[in-house]
Amino acid sequence: MPTILNDVAEAVAIGCEFASLLIVALGSIAALARLAWNWRELGDLKVKKEVWLGFAANILLALEFALAADIARTAIEPNWEDIGRLAAIAAIRTALNFFLERDLEAARTEQAAQPRAG
C-alpha cells in the first residue's frame, strides 16, 4: 500500500510541476507577445505595468503549483530532513508570493484610481 501512495504522490508532484512550468512558459510567451504588439509604446510605463500585471499573476499561480508539488512529495513518510527542506522552500515561496501579491494589489489599486481615457 505505501508503494501505491508513493507512486500517486509522485504523480501528483510531477503533474503540479508540469502545470507550474506550463503556466510560466505560457505567461512568458503572452508577456513577450504583448510587448511585441505594443513595441511602439514601450516608453509608456502604463503599457509595461499592464504586461507586468499579467505576467506576475502567472508567476503567482506557478508558485502555488510548485509548492503543491513539494507538499505532495513530502506527504508520504517524511523524515525530519524532508520536513525541514519543505519548511524552507515553503517559507521562501510564501515570502515571494506575499511580496508579489502586495505589488500586484498596489498596481491594481493605482490602475483603478487612474482616470480612463476616452
N, C-alpha and C. Protein backbone atom coordinates (compact mmCIF):
# COMPACT_ATOMS: atom_id res chain seq x y z
N MET A 1 0.81 -1.21 0.00
CA MET A 1 0.00 0.00 0.00
C MET A 1 0.85 1.27 0.00
N PRO A 2 1.91 1.35 0.82
CA PRO A 2 2.72 2.56 0.79
C PRO A 2 3.34 2.83 -0.58
N THR A 3 3.65 1.78 -1.33
CA THR A 3 4.22 1.96 -2.66
C THR A 3 3.22 2.66 -3.58
N ILE A 4 1.96 2.26 -3.49
CA ILE A 4 0.92 2.89 -4.31
C ILE A 4 0.80 4.37 -3.92
N LEU A 5 0.79 4.65 -2.63
CA LEU A 5 0.70 6.04 -2.18
C LEU A 5 1.90 6.86 -2.64
N ASN A 6 3.08 6.27 -2.57
CA ASN A 6 4.27 6.96 -3.06
C ASN A 6 4.17 7.25 -4.55
N ASP A 7 3.67 6.28 -5.30
CA ASP A 7 3.51 6.47 -6.74
C ASP A 7 2.50 7.57 -7.05
N VAL A 8 1.39 7.57 -6.30
CA VAL A 8 0.37 8.61 -6.50
C VAL A 8 0.93 9.98 -6.13
N ALA A 9 1.62 10.05 -4.98
CA ALA A 9 2.20 11.33 -4.55
C ALA A 9 3.21 11.83 -5.58
N GLU A 10 4.00 10.94 -6.12
CA GLU A 10 4.98 11.33 -7.14
C GLU A 10 4.29 11.80 -8.41
N ALA A 11 3.22 11.12 -8.80
CA ALA A 11 2.46 11.52 -9.99
C ALA A 11 1.83 12.90 -9.79
N VAL A 12 1.28 13.13 -8.62
CA VAL A 12 0.69 14.45 -8.31
C VAL A 12 1.78 15.52 -8.35
N ALA A 13 2.94 15.22 -7.76
CA ALA A 13 4.04 16.18 -7.75
C ALA A 13 4.50 16.51 -9.16
N ILE A 14 4.65 15.47 -9.98
CA ILE A 14 5.07 15.70 -11.36
C ILE A 14 4.02 16.52 -12.11
N GLY A 15 2.74 16.21 -11.90
CA GLY A 15 1.67 16.97 -12.55
C GLY A 15 1.69 18.43 -12.13
N CYS A 16 1.89 18.68 -10.84
CA CYS A 16 1.94 20.06 -10.36
C CYS A 16 3.16 20.80 -10.89
N GLU A 17 4.30 20.11 -10.96
CA GLU A 17 5.50 20.74 -11.53
C GLU A 17 5.31 21.04 -13.01
N PHE A 18 4.67 20.12 -13.72
CA PHE A 18 4.38 20.36 -15.14
C PHE A 18 3.46 21.57 -15.30
N ALA A 19 2.41 21.64 -14.46
CA ALA A 19 1.49 22.77 -14.52
C ALA A 19 2.24 24.07 -14.24
N SER A 20 3.12 24.05 -13.26
CA SER A 20 3.89 25.24 -12.92
C SER A 20 4.75 25.70 -14.10
N LEU A 21 5.46 24.77 -14.71
CA LEU A 21 6.28 25.11 -15.87
C LEU A 21 5.45 25.60 -17.04
N LEU A 22 4.31 24.96 -17.26
CA LEU A 22 3.43 25.36 -18.35
C LEU A 22 2.90 26.77 -18.14
N ILE A 23 2.50 27.08 -16.92
CA ILE A 23 1.98 28.41 -16.61
C ILE A 23 3.06 29.47 -16.81
N VAL A 24 4.28 29.19 -16.37
CA VAL A 24 5.37 30.15 -16.57
C VAL A 24 5.68 30.30 -18.06
N ALA A 25 5.72 29.20 -18.78
CA ALA A 25 6.01 29.26 -20.21
C ALA A 25 4.94 30.04 -20.97
N LEU A 26 3.68 29.72 -20.72
CA LEU A 26 2.60 30.43 -21.41
C LEU A 26 2.55 31.89 -21.00
N GLY A 27 2.79 32.17 -19.72
CA GLY A 27 2.82 33.55 -19.26
C GLY A 27 3.95 34.34 -19.89
N SER A 28 5.10 33.69 -20.05
CA SER A 28 6.25 34.34 -20.70
C SER A 28 5.95 34.65 -22.16
N ILE A 29 5.37 33.67 -22.83
CA ILE A 29 5.03 33.87 -24.25
C ILE A 29 4.00 34.99 -24.39
N ALA A 30 2.99 34.99 -23.51
CA ALA A 30 1.96 36.04 -23.58
C ALA A 30 2.57 37.41 -23.29
N ALA A 31 3.46 37.49 -22.30
CA ALA A 31 4.09 38.77 -21.98
C ALA A 31 4.95 39.26 -23.14
N LEU A 32 5.71 38.36 -23.73
CA LEU A 32 6.53 38.75 -24.89
C LEU A 32 5.66 39.17 -26.07
N ALA A 33 4.55 38.46 -26.27
CA ALA A 33 3.64 38.83 -27.36
C ALA A 33 3.05 40.21 -27.13
N ARG A 34 2.65 40.50 -25.88
CA ARG A 34 2.11 41.83 -25.58
C ARG A 34 3.16 42.91 -25.76
N LEU A 35 4.38 42.63 -25.37
CA LEU A 35 5.46 43.60 -25.57
C LEU A 35 5.71 43.83 -27.06
N ALA A 36 5.74 42.75 -27.84
CA ALA A 36 5.95 42.88 -29.28
C ALA A 36 4.80 43.64 -29.94
N TRP A 37 3.58 43.35 -29.51
CA TRP A 37 2.40 44.00 -30.08
C TRP A 37 2.40 45.51 -29.79
N ASN A 38 2.89 45.86 -28.61
CA ASN A 38 2.90 47.27 -28.18
C ASN A 38 4.31 47.87 -28.24
N TRP A 39 5.16 47.41 -29.14
CA TRP A 39 6.55 47.84 -29.16
C TRP A 39 6.70 49.35 -29.35
N ARG A 40 5.75 49.98 -30.01
CA ARG A 40 5.84 51.43 -30.22
C ARG A 40 5.58 52.22 -28.94
N GLU A 41 4.92 51.58 -28.00
CA GLU A 41 4.54 52.27 -26.76
C GLU A 41 5.34 51.79 -25.55
N LEU A 42 6.48 51.16 -25.77
CA LEU A 42 7.26 50.62 -24.66
C LEU A 42 7.83 51.70 -23.75
N GLY A 43 7.86 52.93 -24.21
CA GLY A 43 8.30 54.02 -23.36
C GLY A 43 7.24 54.40 -22.35
N ASP A 44 6.01 53.96 -22.57
CA ASP A 44 4.90 54.27 -21.68
C ASP A 44 4.90 53.29 -20.50
N LEU A 45 5.03 53.83 -19.31
CA LEU A 45 5.07 53.00 -18.11
C LEU A 45 3.77 52.21 -17.93
N LYS A 46 2.65 52.77 -18.36
CA LYS A 46 1.36 52.08 -18.22
C LYS A 46 1.35 50.77 -19.01
N VAL A 47 1.91 50.77 -20.19
CA VAL A 47 1.97 49.56 -21.01
C VAL A 47 2.83 48.51 -20.31
N LYS A 48 3.98 48.93 -19.80
CA LYS A 48 4.86 47.98 -19.10
C LYS A 48 4.18 47.41 -17.87
N LYS A 49 3.45 48.25 -17.13
CA LYS A 49 2.76 47.77 -15.93
C LYS A 49 1.67 46.77 -16.28
N GLU A 50 0.94 47.00 -17.36
CA GLU A 50 -0.11 46.08 -17.76
C GLU A 50 0.48 44.71 -18.12
N VAL A 51 1.61 44.71 -18.83
CA VAL A 51 2.28 43.46 -19.17
C VAL A 51 2.77 42.79 -17.89
N TRP A 52 3.36 43.57 -16.99
CA TRP A 52 3.87 43.03 -15.74
C TRP A 52 2.76 42.43 -14.89
N LEU A 53 1.61 43.09 -14.84
CA LEU A 53 0.49 42.57 -14.05
C LEU A 53 0.08 41.17 -14.51
N GLY A 54 -0.05 41.01 -15.81
CA GLY A 54 -0.42 39.70 -16.35
C GLY A 54 0.64 38.64 -16.07
N PHE A 55 1.89 39.01 -16.26
CA PHE A 55 2.98 38.07 -16.05
C PHE A 55 3.13 37.72 -14.56
N ALA A 56 3.00 38.72 -13.70
CA ALA A 56 3.12 38.48 -12.26
C ALA A 56 2.02 37.54 -11.77
N ALA A 57 0.82 37.69 -12.30
CA ALA A 57 -0.27 36.79 -11.91
C ALA A 57 0.05 35.35 -12.30
N ASN A 58 0.66 35.16 -13.46
CA ASN A 58 1.07 33.81 -13.88
C ASN A 58 2.15 33.26 -12.96
N ILE A 59 3.08 34.09 -12.57
CA ILE A 59 4.15 33.63 -11.67
C ILE A 59 3.57 33.23 -10.32
N LEU A 60 2.62 34.01 -9.81
CA LEU A 60 1.98 33.67 -8.54
C LEU A 60 1.31 32.30 -8.61
N LEU A 61 0.58 32.06 -9.68
CA LEU A 61 -0.10 30.78 -9.84
C LEU A 61 0.91 29.64 -9.97
N ALA A 62 1.99 29.87 -10.70
CA ALA A 62 3.02 28.86 -10.86
C ALA A 62 3.68 28.54 -9.52
N LEU A 63 3.90 29.55 -8.68
CA LEU A 63 4.48 29.31 -7.36
C LEU A 63 3.57 28.42 -6.51
N GLU A 64 2.27 28.61 -6.62
CA GLU A 64 1.33 27.79 -5.87
C GLU A 64 1.41 26.32 -6.30
N PHE A 65 1.51 26.09 -7.61
CA PHE A 65 1.63 24.72 -8.10
C PHE A 65 2.97 24.10 -7.69
N ALA A 66 4.03 24.90 -7.70
CA ALA A 66 5.35 24.39 -7.29
C ALA A 66 5.34 23.99 -5.81
N LEU A 67 4.69 24.80 -4.99
CA LEU A 67 4.58 24.46 -3.57
C LEU A 67 3.73 23.20 -3.38
N ALA A 68 2.67 23.06 -4.14
CA ALA A 68 1.85 21.85 -4.07
C ALA A 68 2.67 20.61 -4.43
N ALA A 69 3.55 20.74 -5.41
CA ALA A 69 4.41 19.61 -5.78
C ALA A 69 5.33 19.22 -4.63
N ASP A 70 5.89 20.22 -3.96
CA ASP A 70 6.76 19.93 -2.81
C ASP A 70 5.98 19.27 -1.68
N ILE A 71 4.78 19.74 -1.44
CA ILE A 71 3.95 19.15 -0.38
C ILE A 71 3.61 17.70 -0.72
N ALA A 72 3.26 17.44 -1.97
CA ALA A 72 2.92 16.07 -2.38
C ALA A 72 4.11 15.13 -2.20
N ARG A 73 5.30 15.61 -2.52
CA ARG A 73 6.49 14.77 -2.37
C ARG A 73 6.80 14.46 -0.91
N THR A 74 6.48 15.39 -0.03
CA THR A 74 6.81 15.24 1.38
C THR A 74 5.69 14.56 2.17
N ALA A 75 4.52 14.43 1.58
CA ALA A 75 3.35 13.95 2.31
C ALA A 75 3.45 12.49 2.77
N ILE A 76 4.14 11.66 2.05
CA ILE A 76 4.21 10.23 2.37
C ILE A 76 5.52 9.95 3.11
N GLU A 77 5.39 9.49 4.34
CA GLU A 77 6.51 9.08 5.18
C GLU A 77 7.67 10.07 5.18
N PRO A 78 7.42 11.30 5.59
CA PRO A 78 8.52 12.27 5.61
C PRO A 78 9.46 12.02 6.79
N ASN A 79 10.71 12.34 6.59
CA ASN A 79 11.64 12.34 7.72
C ASN A 79 11.91 13.81 8.08
N TRP A 80 12.69 14.03 9.12
CA TRP A 80 12.91 15.40 9.58
C TRP A 80 13.65 16.25 8.54
N GLU A 81 14.51 15.62 7.77
CA GLU A 81 15.22 16.35 6.72
C GLU A 81 14.23 16.83 5.64
N ASP A 82 13.30 15.94 5.26
CA ASP A 82 12.28 16.31 4.27
C ASP A 82 11.41 17.45 4.79
N ILE A 83 11.02 17.35 6.06
CA ILE A 83 10.16 18.38 6.66
C ILE A 83 10.90 19.72 6.72
N GLY A 84 12.16 19.67 7.10
CA GLY A 84 12.96 20.90 7.15
C GLY A 84 13.13 21.53 5.78
N ARG A 85 13.39 20.70 4.78
CA ARG A 85 13.53 21.19 3.41
C ARG A 85 12.22 21.81 2.93
N LEU A 86 11.10 21.13 3.20
CA LEU A 86 9.80 21.66 2.81
C LEU A 86 9.51 22.97 3.52
N ALA A 87 9.84 23.05 4.79
CA ALA A 87 9.61 24.29 5.54
C ALA A 87 10.42 25.44 4.95
N ALA A 88 11.66 25.19 4.58
CA ALA A 88 12.50 26.24 3.99
C ALA A 88 11.95 26.67 2.63
N ILE A 89 11.59 25.69 1.81
CA ILE A 89 11.04 26.00 0.48
C ILE A 89 9.72 26.75 0.61
N ALA A 90 8.86 26.28 1.52
CA ALA A 90 7.56 26.93 1.72
C ALA A 90 7.75 28.36 2.21
N ALA A 91 8.69 28.58 3.11
CA ALA A 91 8.93 29.92 3.63
C ALA A 91 9.40 30.86 2.52
N ILE A 92 10.32 30.40 1.70
CA ILE A 92 10.83 31.23 0.60
C ILE A 92 9.74 31.52 -0.40
N ARG A 93 8.99 30.49 -0.79
CA ARG A 93 7.93 30.70 -1.79
C ARG A 93 6.80 31.53 -1.23
N THR A 94 6.50 31.37 0.04
CA THR A 94 5.45 32.17 0.66
C THR A 94 5.86 33.64 0.72
N ALA A 95 7.12 33.89 1.04
CA ALA A 95 7.61 35.27 1.06
C ALA A 95 7.56 35.88 -0.34
N LEU A 96 8.01 35.12 -1.34
CA LEU A 96 7.92 35.61 -2.73
C LEU A 96 6.48 35.91 -3.11
N ASN A 97 5.61 34.97 -2.76
CA ASN A 97 4.19 35.12 -3.06
C ASN A 97 3.62 36.35 -2.38
N PHE A 98 3.95 36.54 -1.10
CA PHE A 98 3.44 37.68 -0.34
C PHE A 98 3.84 39.00 -0.98
N PHE A 99 5.12 39.16 -1.28
CA PHE A 99 5.59 40.43 -1.83
C PHE A 99 5.09 40.66 -3.25
N LEU A 100 5.01 39.61 -4.04
CA LEU A 100 4.49 39.75 -5.40
C LEU A 100 3.01 40.10 -5.37
N GLU A 101 2.25 39.45 -4.49
CA GLU A 101 0.82 39.75 -4.36
C GLU A 101 0.62 41.19 -3.89
N ARG A 102 1.45 41.63 -2.94
CA ARG A 102 1.36 43.01 -2.45
C ARG A 102 1.62 44.00 -3.58
N ASP A 103 2.65 43.74 -4.38
CA ASP A 103 2.97 44.61 -5.51
C ASP A 103 1.85 44.60 -6.55
N LEU A 104 1.27 43.42 -6.78
CA LEU A 104 0.16 43.32 -7.73
C LEU A 104 -1.04 44.14 -7.26
N GLU A 105 -1.36 44.01 -5.99
CA GLU A 105 -2.51 44.74 -5.44
C GLU A 105 -2.28 46.25 -5.51
N ALA A 106 -1.07 46.68 -5.22
CA ALA A 106 -0.75 48.12 -5.30
C ALA A 106 -0.88 48.61 -6.74
N ALA A 107 -0.41 47.80 -7.69
CA ALA A 107 -0.52 48.19 -9.10
C ALA A 107 -1.98 48.23 -9.55
N ARG A 108 -2.78 47.26 -9.09
CA ARG A 108 -4.21 47.25 -9.44
C ARG A 108 -4.92 48.46 -8.86
N THR A 109 -4.61 48.80 -7.62
CA THR A 109 -5.23 49.95 -6.97
C THR A 109 -4.86 51.23 -7.71
N GLU A 110 -3.58 51.34 -8.08
CA GLU A 110 -3.12 52.51 -8.82
C GLU A 110 -3.80 52.59 -10.18
N GLN A 111 -3.92 51.45 -10.82
CA GLN A 111 -4.55 51.39 -12.15
C GLN A 111 -6.03 51.77 -12.05
N ALA A 112 -6.72 51.31 -11.02
CA ALA A 112 -8.15 51.64 -10.85
C ALA A 112 -8.35 53.10 -10.53
N ALA A 113 -7.37 53.73 -9.88
CA ALA A 113 -7.50 55.13 -9.49
C ALA A 113 -7.25 56.08 -10.66
N GLN A 114 -6.60 55.61 -11.71
CA GLN A 114 -6.30 56.46 -12.85
C GLN A 114 -7.55 56.66 -13.69
N PRO A 115 -7.78 57.91 -14.14
CA PRO A 115 -8.96 58.15 -14.99
C PRO A 115 -8.78 57.46 -16.35
N ARG A 116 -9.87 56.94 -16.85
CA ARG A 116 -9.83 56.26 -18.14
C ARG A 116 -9.89 57.27 -19.27
N ALA A 117 -9.11 56.99 -20.31
CA ALA A 117 -9.10 57.86 -21.49
C ALA A 117 -10.27 57.49 -22.39
N GLY A 118 -10.85 58.51 -23.00
CA GLY A 118 -11.91 58.27 -23.98
C GLY A 118 -13.20 58.14 -23.31
